Amino acid sequence: MALQIARRNPPQYECRVLFFTDGFCDCSYCSGKSGNEKNCFKLEADQLDAMGVQIDVIGFGGIDESILNLIKRGKGKVTVGKTMEEVVEQFKVIAATK
């Protein structure tokens, strides 16, 4: 869905994706070993990056921050919320960024 929306955006508009995740990924790119490629976000993230889309990542739960850094693109930021209240606050900060 993000790819479809990004393709429709005129170039003068900033396009960003905010990715929420628990940081768990078992694909070969993230885990470094043979894994489940159909659940991997890397291909889509690379395509969005090629279109100039920034990807910010908010992690929660039992997160693996190294995975979060593999997902971010462009000038995207990685933040971690230990509670859902912290996740909501991080979303507000990122959404308000110009």
N, C-alpha and C. Protein backbone atom coordinates (compact mmCIF):
# COMPACT_ATOMS: atom_id res chain seq x y z
N MET A 1 0.82 -1.19 0.00
CA MET A 1 0.00 0.00 0.00
C MET A 1 0.87 1.25 0.00
N ALA A 2 1.93 1.27 0.80
CA ALA A 2 2.80 2.45 0.86
C ALA A 2 3.42 2.74 -0.50
N LEU A 3 3.79 1.69 -1.23
CA LEU A 3 4.37 1.90 -2.56
C LEU A 3 3.36 2.54 -3.50
N GLN A 4 2.13 2.11 -3.46
CA GLN A 4 1.09 2.68 -4.33
C GLN A 4 0.87 4.15 -4.03
N ILE A 5 0.81 4.50 -2.77
CA ILE A 5 0.61 5.89 -2.38
C ILE A 5 1.81 6.74 -2.77
N ALA A 6 3.01 6.24 -2.53
CA ALA A 6 4.22 6.99 -2.86
C ALA A 6 4.32 7.26 -4.35
N ARG A 7 3.90 6.32 -5.18
CA ARG A 7 3.94 6.50 -6.63
C ARG A 7 2.99 7.60 -7.10
N ARG A 8 1.91 7.83 -6.36
CA ARG A 8 0.93 8.85 -6.74
C ARG A 8 1.33 10.24 -6.28
N ASN A 9 2.26 10.35 -5.34
CA ASN A 9 2.64 11.64 -4.79
C ASN A 9 3.45 12.46 -5.78
N PRO A 10 3.08 13.71 -5.99
CA PRO A 10 3.92 14.58 -6.82
C PRO A 10 5.28 14.76 -6.14
N PRO A 11 6.34 14.94 -6.92
CA PRO A 11 7.68 15.02 -6.35
C PRO A 11 7.89 16.15 -5.34
N GLN A 12 7.09 17.21 -5.42
CA GLN A 12 7.29 18.33 -4.50
C GLN A 12 6.79 18.04 -3.09
N TYR A 13 6.06 16.97 -2.90
CA TYR A 13 5.56 16.61 -1.57
C TYR A 13 6.50 15.63 -0.88
N GLU A 14 6.71 15.88 0.40
CA GLU A 14 7.50 14.93 1.18
C GLU A 14 6.63 13.71 1.44
N CYS A 15 7.21 12.56 1.29
CA CYS A 15 6.47 11.32 1.53
C CYS A 15 7.25 10.52 2.58
N ARG A 16 6.54 10.14 3.63
CA ARG A 16 7.15 9.40 4.73
C ARG A 16 6.30 8.21 5.10
N VAL A 17 6.97 7.19 5.60
CA VAL A 17 6.30 6.01 6.13
C VAL A 17 6.71 5.89 7.59
N LEU A 18 5.74 5.63 8.43
CA LEU A 18 6.02 5.37 9.84
C LEU A 18 5.73 3.89 10.08
N PHE A 19 6.76 3.16 10.43
CA PHE A 19 6.68 1.71 10.57
C PHE A 19 6.68 1.35 12.04
N PHE A 20 5.62 0.68 12.49
CA PHE A 20 5.52 0.19 13.86
C PHE A 20 5.88 -1.29 13.87
N THR A 21 6.74 -1.69 14.78
CA THR A 21 7.13 -3.10 14.81
C THR A 21 7.65 -3.50 16.19
N ASP A 22 7.62 -4.81 16.44
CA ASP A 22 8.23 -5.33 17.66
C ASP A 22 9.68 -5.70 17.40
N GLY A 23 10.17 -5.45 16.19
CA GLY A 23 11.56 -5.70 15.86
C GLY A 23 11.88 -7.14 15.52
N PHE A 24 10.88 -8.00 15.54
CA PHE A 24 11.13 -9.41 15.23
C PHE A 24 11.08 -9.61 13.72
N CYS A 25 12.10 -10.22 13.18
CA CYS A 25 12.11 -10.59 11.77
C CYS A 25 12.98 -11.82 11.62
N ASP A 26 12.48 -12.78 10.86
CA ASP A 26 13.26 -14.00 10.67
C ASP A 26 13.69 -14.21 9.23
N CYS A 27 13.71 -13.13 8.44
CA CYS A 27 14.18 -13.26 7.06
C CYS A 27 15.70 -13.36 7.05
N SER A 28 16.28 -13.74 5.92
CA SER A 28 17.73 -13.91 5.86
C SER A 28 18.47 -12.59 5.97
N TYR A 29 17.88 -11.50 5.50
CA TYR A 29 18.52 -10.18 5.58
C TYR A 29 18.67 -9.75 7.04
N CYS A 30 17.60 -9.87 7.79
CA CYS A 30 17.61 -9.41 9.19
C CYS A 30 18.29 -10.38 10.13
N SER A 31 18.08 -11.67 9.93
CA SER A 31 18.61 -12.65 10.87
C SER A 31 20.01 -13.12 10.51
N GLY A 32 20.42 -12.89 9.26
CA GLY A 32 21.75 -13.34 8.84
C GLY A 32 21.82 -14.82 8.50
N LYS A 33 20.67 -15.49 8.50
CA LYS A 33 20.63 -16.91 8.13
C LYS A 33 19.37 -17.15 7.31
N SER A 34 19.27 -18.30 6.72
CA SER A 34 18.11 -18.62 5.89
C SER A 34 16.83 -18.40 6.69
N GLY A 35 15.87 -17.69 6.08
CA GLY A 35 14.67 -17.37 6.85
C GLY A 35 13.44 -17.22 5.99
N ASN A 36 12.45 -16.60 6.54
CA ASN A 36 11.13 -16.43 5.94
C ASN A 36 11.09 -15.12 5.15
N GLU A 37 11.37 -15.17 3.86
CA GLU A 37 11.49 -13.97 3.05
C GLU A 37 10.15 -13.29 2.77
N LYS A 38 9.05 -14.01 2.79
CA LYS A 38 7.78 -13.38 2.42
C LYS A 38 7.28 -12.38 3.46
N ASN A 39 7.82 -12.43 4.67
CA ASN A 39 7.42 -11.47 5.69
C ASN A 39 8.41 -10.31 5.81
N CYS A 40 9.41 -10.27 4.93
CA CYS A 40 10.46 -9.26 5.01
C CYS A 40 9.99 -7.95 4.37
N PHE A 41 10.33 -6.86 5.02
CA PHE A 41 9.97 -5.53 4.54
C PHE A 41 11.10 -4.90 3.72
N LYS A 42 12.26 -5.55 3.63
CA LYS A 42 13.44 -4.95 3.00
C LYS A 42 13.19 -4.54 1.56
N LEU A 43 12.61 -5.39 0.75
CA LEU A 43 12.40 -5.08 -0.67
C LEU A 43 11.55 -3.82 -0.82
N GLU A 44 10.44 -3.77 -0.08
CA GLU A 44 9.57 -2.59 -0.15
C GLU A 44 10.29 -1.35 0.39
N ALA A 45 11.05 -1.52 1.46
CA ALA A 45 11.79 -0.39 2.03
C ALA A 45 12.81 0.14 1.02
N ASP A 46 13.49 -0.75 0.32
CA ASP A 46 14.45 -0.33 -0.70
C ASP A 46 13.77 0.41 -1.85
N GLN A 47 12.59 -0.06 -2.26
CA GLN A 47 11.85 0.60 -3.34
C GLN A 47 11.38 1.99 -2.89
N LEU A 48 10.89 2.08 -1.67
CA LEU A 48 10.47 3.39 -1.15
C LEU A 48 11.66 4.34 -1.05
N ASP A 49 12.79 3.82 -0.60
CA ASP A 49 13.99 4.63 -0.49
C ASP A 49 14.41 5.16 -1.86
N ALA A 50 14.32 4.33 -2.88
CA ALA A 50 14.68 4.75 -4.24
C ALA A 50 13.76 5.86 -4.75
N MET A 51 12.55 5.93 -4.21
CA MET A 51 11.60 6.99 -4.59
C MET A 51 11.74 8.21 -3.68
N GLY A 52 12.71 8.18 -2.78
CA GLY A 52 12.94 9.32 -1.90
C GLY A 52 12.05 9.36 -0.67
N VAL A 53 11.43 8.23 -0.35
CA VAL A 53 10.54 8.17 0.81
C VAL A 53 11.37 7.89 2.06
N GLN A 54 11.13 8.69 3.07
CA GLN A 54 11.79 8.50 4.37
C GLN A 54 10.99 7.49 5.18
N ILE A 55 11.68 6.58 5.84
CA ILE A 55 11.01 5.60 6.69
C ILE A 55 11.49 5.78 8.12
N ASP A 56 10.55 6.16 9.00
CA ASP A 56 10.79 6.24 10.43
C ASP A 56 10.28 4.95 11.06
N VAL A 57 10.92 4.51 12.13
CA VAL A 57 10.54 3.26 12.77
C VAL A 57 10.33 3.47 14.26
N ILE A 58 9.19 3.01 14.75
CA ILE A 58 8.93 2.99 16.18
C ILE A 58 8.82 1.54 16.61
N GLY A 59 9.68 1.16 17.53
CA GLY A 59 9.67 -0.20 18.04
C GLY A 59 9.00 -0.28 19.39
N PHE A 60 8.47 -1.45 19.69
CA PHE A 60 7.82 -1.68 20.98
C PHE A 60 7.94 -3.15 21.33
N GLY A 61 7.63 -3.46 22.57
CA GLY A 61 7.69 -4.86 23.00
C GLY A 61 9.12 -5.34 23.13
N GLY A 62 9.33 -6.62 22.86
CA GLY A 62 10.66 -7.22 22.94
C GLY A 62 11.45 -6.95 21.68
N ILE A 63 11.94 -5.74 21.55
CA ILE A 63 12.54 -5.29 20.30
C ILE A 63 14.00 -5.65 20.14
N ASP A 64 14.36 -5.81 18.91
CA ASP A 64 15.76 -5.96 18.50
C ASP A 64 16.09 -4.69 17.73
N GLU A 65 16.76 -3.74 18.39
CA GLU A 65 17.01 -2.44 17.78
C GLU A 65 17.85 -2.53 16.51
N SER A 66 18.68 -3.55 16.39
CA SER A 66 19.47 -3.68 15.16
C SER A 66 18.54 -3.90 13.96
N ILE A 67 17.44 -4.60 14.17
CA ILE A 67 16.46 -4.81 13.10
C ILE A 67 15.80 -3.48 12.75
N LEU A 68 15.47 -2.68 13.76
CA LEU A 68 14.83 -1.39 13.50
C LEU A 68 15.71 -0.51 12.62
N ASN A 69 17.02 -0.53 12.86
CA ASN A 69 17.93 0.26 12.06
C ASN A 69 18.05 -0.25 10.63
N LEU A 70 17.80 -1.53 10.40
CA LEU A 70 17.81 -2.07 9.04
C LEU A 70 16.59 -1.61 8.24
N ILE A 71 15.52 -1.26 8.92
CA ILE A 71 14.28 -0.86 8.25
C ILE A 71 14.27 0.62 7.89
N LYS A 72 14.85 1.47 8.73
CA LYS A 72 14.78 2.92 8.47
C LYS A 72 15.48 3.27 7.17
N ARG A 73 14.99 4.32 6.53
CA ARG A 73 15.58 4.77 5.27
C ARG A 73 15.61 6.29 5.26
N GLY A 74 16.49 6.84 4.42
CA GLY A 74 16.60 8.28 4.30
C GLY A 74 17.02 8.90 5.62
N LYS A 75 16.38 10.00 5.97
CA LYS A 75 16.67 10.67 7.24
C LYS A 75 15.77 10.16 8.36
N GLY A 76 15.23 8.96 8.17
CA GLY A 76 14.34 8.38 9.16
C GLY A 76 15.00 8.19 10.51
N LYS A 77 14.15 8.15 11.53
CA LYS A 77 14.62 7.99 12.90
C LYS A 77 14.11 6.67 13.46
N VAL A 78 14.85 6.12 14.38
CA VAL A 78 14.44 4.92 15.11
C VAL A 78 14.20 5.32 16.54
N THR A 79 13.02 5.02 17.05
CA THR A 79 12.71 5.26 18.45
C THR A 79 12.07 4.02 19.04
N VAL A 80 12.15 3.91 20.35
CA VAL A 80 11.61 2.74 21.04
C VAL A 80 10.70 3.21 22.16
N GLY A 81 9.52 2.61 22.22
CA GLY A 81 8.59 2.88 23.30
C GLY A 81 8.47 1.65 24.18
N LYS A 82 8.71 1.82 25.45
CA LYS A 82 8.59 0.68 26.37
C LYS A 82 7.14 0.42 26.75
N THR A 83 6.31 1.45 26.65
CA THR A 83 4.87 1.31 26.92
C THR A 83 4.11 1.89 25.72
N MET A 84 2.83 1.58 25.62
CA MET A 84 2.05 2.14 24.52
C MET A 84 1.93 3.65 24.64
N GLU A 85 1.96 4.18 25.85
CA GLU A 85 1.93 5.63 26.03
C GLU A 85 3.18 6.26 25.41
N GLU A 86 4.33 5.63 25.61
CA GLU A 86 5.57 6.13 25.00
C GLU A 86 5.52 6.02 23.48
N VAL A 87 4.94 4.95 22.96
CA VAL A 87 4.79 4.78 21.51
C VAL A 87 3.93 5.91 20.95
N VAL A 88 2.83 6.22 21.61
CA VAL A 88 1.94 7.30 21.17
C VAL A 88 2.69 8.63 21.18
N GLU A 89 3.46 8.89 22.22
CA GLU A 89 4.22 10.14 22.29
C GLU A 89 5.26 10.23 21.17
N GLN A 90 5.94 9.11 20.89
CA GLN A 90 6.92 9.10 19.80
C GLN A 90 6.23 9.35 18.45
N PHE A 91 5.06 8.76 18.27
CA PHE A 91 4.30 9.00 17.04
C PHE A 91 3.98 10.49 16.89
N LYS A 92 3.55 11.12 17.97
CA LYS A 92 3.22 12.54 17.92
C LYS A 92 4.45 13.39 17.55
N VAL A 93 5.59 13.03 18.10
CA VAL A 93 6.83 13.78 17.79
C VAL A 93 7.17 13.62 16.31
N ILE A 94 7.14 12.40 15.81
CA ILE A 94 7.49 12.17 14.41
C ILE A 94 6.46 12.81 13.48
N ALA A 95 5.19 12.70 13.81
CA ALA A 95 4.13 13.27 12.96
C ALA A 95 4.21 14.80 12.90
N ALA A 96 4.75 15.42 13.93
CA ALA A 96 4.83 16.87 13.97
C ALA A 96 6.10 17.41 13.29
N THR A 97 7.04 16.52 12.93
CA THR A 97 8.29 16.94 12.32
C THR A 97 8.04 17.51 10.95
N LYS A 98 8.71 18.61 10.66
CA LYS A 98 8.56 19.23 9.34
C LYS A 98 9.78 18.98 8.50
